[in-house]
């Protein structure tokens, strides 16, 4: 569309009380949760996180349904019954822990961050940096990558930048960006200027971290991922082909009370023909590496949204079935009760 967006009418400045109310509606829940996570002793916070995850498991049936499909996609259809339910509960608990760890890591001392992190394959990152071009770390939504980003920025001292989809309301997004900067991670909003910012970052030695297992917004590259065609982001491949930066498939696992980073060798990313064909080829190779990383801990894969075309269809059927069950329940509750003669 070429029409300019309608400019909102000017509004009077908010009175202090109104500002406070609006701020509370936007971010107070997140800020309060983060503050609580930092103040509670770690065993208490971990216990509360598990309790929250169990509540989410019960209260979010659609997320539970998609998680079941995702786990069976990775582990096979033989994952059924109690074993499937336990794996789904473990996935909800892992996701809750991701938020808990992210809330408290900014206040941890360097020694605590380092003590809570181990790694293998870090030599691939170092070798890329030694060439003069920082690498692209392509990650799935798995485990707790922010712990690794904080460790990298604060311990070896390699600056890190990541792309994040803007959130609404804007105050919430601004607060989350500031929280990540406290960890040592720079954030660039997903948008038309992101590519140029990332190219400059790579050339100045800033490690680029990109979540690469789910397409957000328009675009994307069609590849096969866990046995079904779907769209994955073409950003990592495009950046690598345009700059010569190495793409390093990376995962950060929750390893007991700690975290463990795994970096695989670079995905081959040389120009062979037309750019679009090269982007597709490199993205397919990256998808295979992500599958390998995810299979190592599928219950830590925090992908609770539809990610394949069949997910959307299955979710719609699931909603229709739930509406049918709710309708039947309502009919039973509203039907007159027959009193038997006594």
Protein backbone atom coordinates (compact mmCIF):
# COMPACT_ATOMS: atom_id res chain seq x y z
CA UNK A 1 0.00 0.00 0.00
CA UNK A 2 1.27 3.46 -0.89
CA UNK A 3 -1.10 5.40 1.34
CA UNK A 4 0.57 7.05 4.28
CA UNK A 5 -0.64 5.81 7.64
CA UNK A 6 -3.21 8.00 9.31
CA UNK A 7 -1.60 10.26 11.84
CA UNK A 8 -3.25 9.99 15.27
CA UNK A 9 -4.75 13.14 16.72
CA UNK A 10 -2.55 14.90 19.29
CA UNK A 11 -3.29 13.92 22.84
CA UNK A 12 -2.87 15.87 26.01
CA UNK A 13 0.11 14.83 28.13
CA UNK A 14 -0.70 12.09 30.56
CA UNK A 15 -1.12 13.12 34.13
CA UNK A 16 1.36 11.41 36.46
CA UNK A 17 -1.29 9.01 37.79
CA UNK A 18 -2.47 8.11 34.27
CA UNK A 19 1.13 7.53 33.19
CA UNK A 20 1.61 5.22 36.12
CA UNK A 21 -1.54 3.27 35.30
CA UNK A 22 -0.56 2.86 31.66
CA UNK A 23 2.95 1.77 32.60
CA UNK A 24 1.50 -0.73 35.06
CA UNK A 25 -0.79 -2.18 32.40
CA UNK A 26 2.14 -2.59 30.02
CA UNK A 27 5.12 -3.87 31.95
CA UNK A 28 4.57 -4.09 35.68
CA UNK A 29 3.89 -7.83 35.54
CA UNK A 30 7.15 -8.52 33.73
CA UNK A 31 9.15 -6.13 35.88
CA UNK A 32 7.70 -7.56 39.05
CA UNK A 33 8.42 -11.10 37.93
CA UNK A 34 12.00 -10.23 37.04
CA UNK A 35 12.54 -8.44 40.34
CA UNK A 36 11.13 -11.42 42.23
CA UNK A 37 13.37 -13.84 40.31
CA UNK A 38 16.44 -11.82 41.30
CA UNK A 39 15.55 -11.62 44.97
CA UNK A 40 14.43 -15.17 45.67
CA UNK A 41 17.05 -17.76 46.64
CA UNK A 42 17.73 -19.93 43.60
CA UNK A 43 16.15 -23.14 45.02
CA UNK A 44 12.98 -21.22 45.91
CA UNK A 45 12.85 -19.51 42.52
CA UNK A 46 13.36 -22.83 40.73
CA UNK A 47 10.54 -24.40 42.71
CA UNK A 48 8.19 -21.52 41.95
CA UNK A 49 9.12 -21.77 38.27
CA UNK A 50 8.17 -25.44 38.20
CA UNK A 51 4.83 -24.64 39.85
CA UNK A 52 4.11 -21.95 37.23
CA UNK A 53 4.99 -24.37 34.43
CA UNK A 54 2.52 -26.94 35.77
CA UNK A 55 -0.23 -24.31 35.83
CA UNK A 56 0.60 -23.28 32.26
CA UNK A 57 0.45 -26.93 31.19
CA UNK A 58 -3.11 -27.19 32.51
CA UNK A 59 -4.33 -23.77 31.34
CA UNK A 60 -2.93 -23.64 27.78
CA UNK A 61 -4.45 -26.55 25.85
CA UNK A 62 -3.52 -25.23 22.40
CA UNK A 63 0.13 -24.78 23.38
CA UNK A 64 0.02 -28.26 24.88
CA UNK A 65 -1.42 -29.68 21.65
CA UNK A 66 1.23 -28.05 19.44
CA UNK A 67 3.98 -29.21 21.81
CA UNK A 68 2.70 -32.78 21.54
CA UNK A 69 2.85 -32.57 17.74
CA UNK A 70 6.32 -31.05 17.83
CA UNK A 71 7.69 -33.76 20.16
CA UNK A 72 6.19 -36.54 18.05
CA UNK A 73 7.66 -34.91 14.95
CA UNK A 74 11.14 -35.11 16.49
CA UNK A 75 10.87 -38.37 18.46
CA UNK A 76 8.47 -40.29 16.24
CA UNK A 77 4.79 -41.29 16.52
CA UNK A 78 5.71 -44.03 18.98
CA UNK A 79 5.91 -41.35 21.68
CA UNK A 80 2.43 -41.73 23.16
CA UNK A 81 0.44 -41.87 26.38
CA UNK A 82 2.15 -41.15 29.68
CA UNK A 83 5.57 -40.79 28.05
CA UNK A 84 4.24 -38.07 25.74
CA UNK A 85 2.47 -36.25 28.58
CA UNK A 86 5.65 -36.30 30.68
CA UNK A 87 7.71 -34.95 27.76
CA UNK A 88 5.21 -32.12 27.25
CA UNK A 89 5.33 -31.24 30.96
CA UNK A 90 9.13 -31.22 30.77
CA UNK A 91 8.94 -28.86 27.79
CA UNK A 92 6.70 -26.42 29.68
CA UNK A 93 9.08 -26.59 32.65
CA UNK A 94 12.09 -25.94 30.41
CA UNK A 95 10.38 -22.91 28.87
CA UNK A 96 9.47 -21.50 32.29
CA UNK A 97 13.07 -21.96 33.38
CA UNK A 98 14.25 -20.07 30.28
CA UNK A 99 12.31 -17.02 31.48
CA UNK A 100 13.47 -17.45 35.06
CA UNK A 101 17.15 -17.67 34.12
CA UNK A 102 16.82 -14.74 31.71
CA UNK A 103 15.30 -12.59 34.46
CA UNK A 104 18.09 -13.17 36.95
CA UNK A 105 21.26 -13.47 34.86
CA UNK A 106 21.74 -9.72 34.47
CA UNK A 107 22.41 -9.38 38.21
CA UNK A 108 24.83 -12.31 38.48
CA UNK A 109 28.54 -11.71 38.95
CA UNK A 110 30.92 -12.80 36.17
CA UNK A 111 32.15 -15.68 38.32
CA UNK A 112 28.58 -16.98 38.72
CA UNK A 113 27.92 -16.72 34.98
CA UNK A 114 31.11 -18.61 34.18
CA UNK A 115 30.51 -21.27 36.83
CA UNK A 116 27.09 -21.98 35.34
CA UNK A 117 28.29 -22.50 31.77
CA UNK A 118 30.30 -25.13 29.89
CA UNK A 119 30.88 -25.38 26.15
CA UNK A 120 32.15 -27.50 23.30
CA UNK A 121 33.06 -26.34 19.83
CA UNK A 122 33.92 -22.80 20.93
CA UNK A 123 37.02 -23.09 18.76
CA UNK A 124 34.77 -22.59 15.71
CA UNK A 125 33.79 -19.16 17.04
CA UNK A 126 37.39 -18.25 17.81
CA UNK A 127 38.60 -19.39 14.39
CA UNK A 128 35.96 -17.25 12.68
CA UNK A 129 36.86 -14.19 14.73
CA UNK A 130 40.54 -14.70 13.92
CA UNK A 131 39.74 -14.25 10.21
CA UNK A 132 38.59 -10.69 10.90
CA UNK A 133 34.92 -11.43 10.23
CA UNK A 134 32.72 -12.30 13.19
CA UNK A 135 30.49 -15.38 12.79
CA UNK A 136 26.73 -15.84 12.63
CA UNK A 137 25.44 -18.13 15.36
CA UNK A 138 22.22 -19.76 14.09
CA UNK A 139 20.18 -21.14 16.97
CA UNK A 140 16.88 -22.93 17.59
CA UNK A 141 14.48 -21.78 20.30
CA UNK A 142 16.05 -24.29 22.64
CA UNK A 143 17.35 -24.26 26.21
CA UNK A 144 18.70 -20.92 27.38
CA UNK A 145 20.71 -19.12 24.72
CA UNK A 146 20.77 -15.84 26.64
CA UNK A 147 23.04 -17.42 29.26
CA UNK A 148 25.56 -18.19 26.51
CA UNK A 149 25.20 -14.71 25.05
CA UNK A 150 25.85 -13.16 28.44
CA UNK A 151 28.83 -15.45 29.01
CA UNK A 152 30.31 -14.59 25.61
CA UNK A 153 29.92 -10.85 26.10
CA UNK A 154 31.27 -10.81 29.67
CA UNK A 155 33.86 -13.59 29.92
CA UNK A 156 35.76 -13.86 26.60
CA UNK A 157 34.58 -10.32 25.93
CA UNK A 158 33.10 -10.81 22.46
CA UNK A 159 30.27 -8.35 21.76
CA UNK A 160 26.98 -9.98 20.80
CA UNK A 161 24.02 -8.65 18.81
CA UNK A 162 20.68 -10.29 18.06
CA UNK A 163 17.52 -9.54 16.11
CA UNK A 164 14.22 -9.51 18.00
CA UNK A 165 10.69 -9.15 16.68
CA UNK A 166 9.23 -5.90 18.10
CA UNK A 167 6.65 -6.48 20.81
CA UNK A 168 3.53 -4.55 21.67
CA UNK A 169 3.18 -2.44 23.70
CA UNK A 170 6.34 -0.51 22.84
CA UNK A 171 7.15 0.09 26.53
CA UNK A 172 7.39 -3.65 27.06
CA UNK A 173 9.73 -4.05 24.09
CA UNK A 174 11.92 -1.16 25.28
CA UNK A 175 12.17 -2.70 28.73
CA UNK A 176 13.12 -6.13 27.34
CA UNK A 177 15.77 -4.55 25.11
CA UNK A 178 17.23 -2.75 28.11
CA UNK A 179 17.25 -6.00 30.09
CA UNK A 180 19.28 -7.73 27.37
CA UNK A 181 21.69 -4.84 27.18
CA UNK A 182 22.28 -5.30 30.90
CA UNK A 183 23.35 -8.84 30.01
CA UNK A 184 25.76 -7.49 27.41
CA UNK A 185 23.60 -8.33 24.37
CA UNK A 186 22.73 -5.61 21.84
CA UNK A 187 19.34 -5.85 20.14
CA UNK A 188 18.23 -4.68 16.71
CA UNK A 189 14.48 -4.78 15.97
CA UNK A 190 13.38 -6.97 13.08
CA UNK A 191 12.70 -4.63 10.17
CA UNK A 192 14.05 -3.20 6.92
CA UNK A 193 17.17 -1.71 8.56
CA UNK A 194 18.20 -4.90 10.37
CA UNK A 195 20.29 -6.36 7.52
CA UNK A 196 22.52 -3.30 7.11
CA UNK A 197 23.03 -3.09 10.87
CA UNK A 198 24.03 -6.76 11.06
CA UNK A 199 26.43 -6.51 8.11
CA UNK A 200 28.18 -3.62 9.81
CA UNK A 201 28.23 -5.54 13.10
CA UNK A 202 29.86 -8.60 11.51
CA UNK A 203 32.54 -6.48 9.89
CA UNK A 204 33.35 -4.73 13.17
CA UNK A 205 33.71 -7.99 15.11
CA UNK A 206 30.28 -8.28 16.73
CA UNK A 207 28.97 -11.86 16.90
CA UNK A 208 25.49 -12.08 15.38
CA UNK A 209 23.01 -14.46 17.03
CA UNK A 210 19.93 -15.37 14.97
CA UNK A 211 17.07 -17.67 15.90
CA UNK A 212 16.72 -19.75 12.77
CA UNK A 213 14.04 -22.42 13.36
CA UNK A 214 10.87 -20.36 12.84
CA UNK A 215 9.92 -17.82 10.21
CA UNK A 216 8.39 -14.62 11.61
CA UNK A 217 6.45 -12.36 9.27
CA UNK A 218 6.62 -12.49 5.49
CA UNK A 219 9.29 -14.06 3.38
CA UNK A 220 11.25 -17.08 4.40
CA UNK A 221 12.81 -19.95 2.49
CA UNK A 222 10.99 -23.21 1.82
CA UNK A 223 12.98 -26.21 3.08
CA UNK A 224 12.35 -29.65 4.51
CA UNK A 225 12.49 -29.57 8.30
CA UNK A 226 11.76 -32.69 10.35
CA UNK A 227 10.10 -34.41 7.41
CA UNK A 228 7.77 -31.66 6.17
CA UNK A 229 8.21 -28.65 3.93
CA UNK A 230 7.98 -25.33 5.75
CA UNK A 231 9.45 -21.83 5.77
CA UNK A 232 12.60 -20.98 7.72
CA UNK A 233 14.38 -17.61 7.91
CA UNK A 234 16.73 -16.89 5.04
CA UNK A 235 18.61 -14.24 7.02
CA UNK A 236 21.57 -16.35 8.20
CA UNK A 237 22.27 -17.65 4.68
CA UNK A 238 21.81 -14.23 3.07
CA UNK A 239 24.18 -12.56 5.53
CA UNK A 240 26.80 -15.27 5.10
CA UNK A 241 26.66 -15.18 1.31
CA UNK A 242 26.87 -11.38 1.25
CA UNK A 243 29.70 -11.02 3.77
CA UNK A 244 31.63 -14.29 3.83
CA UNK A 245 30.85 -14.74 7.54
CA UNK A 246 30.73 -18.29 8.86
CA UNK A 247 27.33 -19.74 9.84
CA UNK A 248 27.78 -21.79 13.02
CA UNK A 249 24.78 -23.93 14.09
CA UNK A 250 24.61 -23.50 17.85
CA UNK A 251 22.46 -24.71 20.74
CA UNK A 252 22.49 -23.93 24.45
CA UNK A 253 21.14 -26.73 26.61
CA UNK A 254 19.89 -26.59 30.17
CA UNK A 255 22.32 -29.01 31.76
CA UNK A 256 21.11 -29.83 35.26
CA UNK A 257 21.33 -26.55 37.19
CA UNK A 258 23.77 -25.14 34.62
CA UNK A 259 23.94 -24.50 30.86
CA UNK A 260 26.02 -26.08 28.09
CA UNK A 261 26.74 -24.54 24.71
CA UNK A 262 27.41 -26.66 21.63
CA UNK A 263 28.79 -25.12 18.43
CA UNK A 264 28.89 -27.22 15.26
CA UNK A 265 31.32 -26.69 12.36
CA UNK A 266 30.38 -24.03 9.80
CA UNK A 267 27.63 -24.70 7.29
CA UNK A 268 29.10 -24.52 3.75
CA UNK A 269 28.05 -21.12 2.42
CA UNK A 270 29.88 -20.42 -0.84
CA UNK A 271 28.33 -18.74 -3.86
CA UNK A 272 27.55 -21.27 -6.59
CA UNK A 273 24.92 -19.57 -8.71
CA UNK A 274 22.00 -17.20 -8.33
CA UNK A 275 21.64 -15.72 -4.88
CA UNK A 276 18.12 -17.05 -4.26
CA UNK A 277 19.16 -20.61 -5.13
CA UNK A 278 22.24 -20.31 -2.92
CA UNK A 279 20.16 -18.99 -0.01
CA UNK A 280 17.80 -21.96 -0.34
CA UNK A 281 20.64 -24.48 -0.49
CA UNK A 282 22.46 -23.03 2.53
CA UNK A 283 19.24 -22.74 4.54
CA UNK A 284 18.48 -26.42 3.85
CA UNK A 285 21.94 -27.40 5.10
CA UNK A 286 21.39 -25.28 8.19
CA UNK A 287 18.02 -26.97 8.80
CA UNK A 288 19.73 -30.37 8.90
CA UNK A 289 22.22 -29.10 11.48
CA UNK A 290 19.39 -27.64 13.59
CA UNK A 291 17.63 -31.02 13.49
CA UNK A 292 20.78 -32.62 14.90
CA UNK A 293 20.97 -30.10 17.74
CA UNK A 294 17.26 -30.33 18.57
CA UNK A 295 17.22 -34.15 18.64
CA UNK A 296 19.74 -34.04 21.48
CA UNK A 297 17.09 -32.49 23.81
CA UNK A 298 13.67 -32.22 22.11
CA UNK A 299 11.90 -31.44 25.40
CA UNK A 300 13.93 -28.22 25.60
CA UNK A 301 12.71 -27.00 22.20
CA UNK A 302 10.44 -24.08 23.08
CA UNK A 303 8.47 -24.02 19.84
CA UNK A 304 4.85 -23.86 20.99
CA UNK A 305 3.41 -22.14 17.93
CA UNK A 306 2.42 -23.72 14.59
CA UNK A 307 5.55 -24.06 12.46
CA UNK A 308 4.43 -26.32 9.58
CA UNK A 309 1.39 -26.06 7.29
CA UNK A 310 -0.13 -29.21 8.80
CA UNK A 311 0.06 -27.61 12.27
CA UNK A 312 -2.40 -24.92 11.27
CA UNK A 313 -4.85 -27.49 9.92
CA UNK A 314 -4.52 -29.75 12.95
CA UNK A 315 -4.93 -26.84 15.35
CA UNK A 316 -8.15 -25.75 13.64
CA UNK A 317 -9.53 -29.29 13.97
CA UNK A 318 -8.49 -29.31 17.63
CA UNK A 319 -10.36 -26.03 18.22
CA UNK A 320 -13.48 -27.35 16.51
CA UNK A 321 -13.42 -30.50 18.63
CA UNK A 322 -13.06 -28.44 21.80
CA UNK A 323 -15.94 -26.20 20.78
CA UNK A 324 -18.05 -29.31 20.18
CA UNK A 325 -17.20 -30.72 23.59
CA UNK A 326 -17.94 -27.40 25.27
CA UNK A 327 -21.31 -27.25 23.48
CA UNK A 328 -22.20 -30.76 24.63
CA UNK A 329 -21.23 -29.87 28.19
CA UNK A 330 -23.40 -26.75 28.10
CA UNK A 331 -26.36 -28.76 26.84
CA UNK A 332 -25.97 -31.30 29.64
CA UNK A 333 -25.72 -28.58 32.28
CA UNK A 334 -28.74 -26.68 30.92
CA UNK A 335 -31.04 -29.70 30.40
CA UNK A 336 -33.81 -30.05 33.03
CA UNK A 337 -33.17 -32.68 35.61
CA UNK A 338 -35.76 -35.44 35.78
CA UNK A 339 -36.89 -36.13 39.30
CA UNK A 340 -37.62 -39.79 39.90
CA UNK A 341 -40.48 -40.64 42.22
CA UNK A 342 -39.24 -41.62 45.62
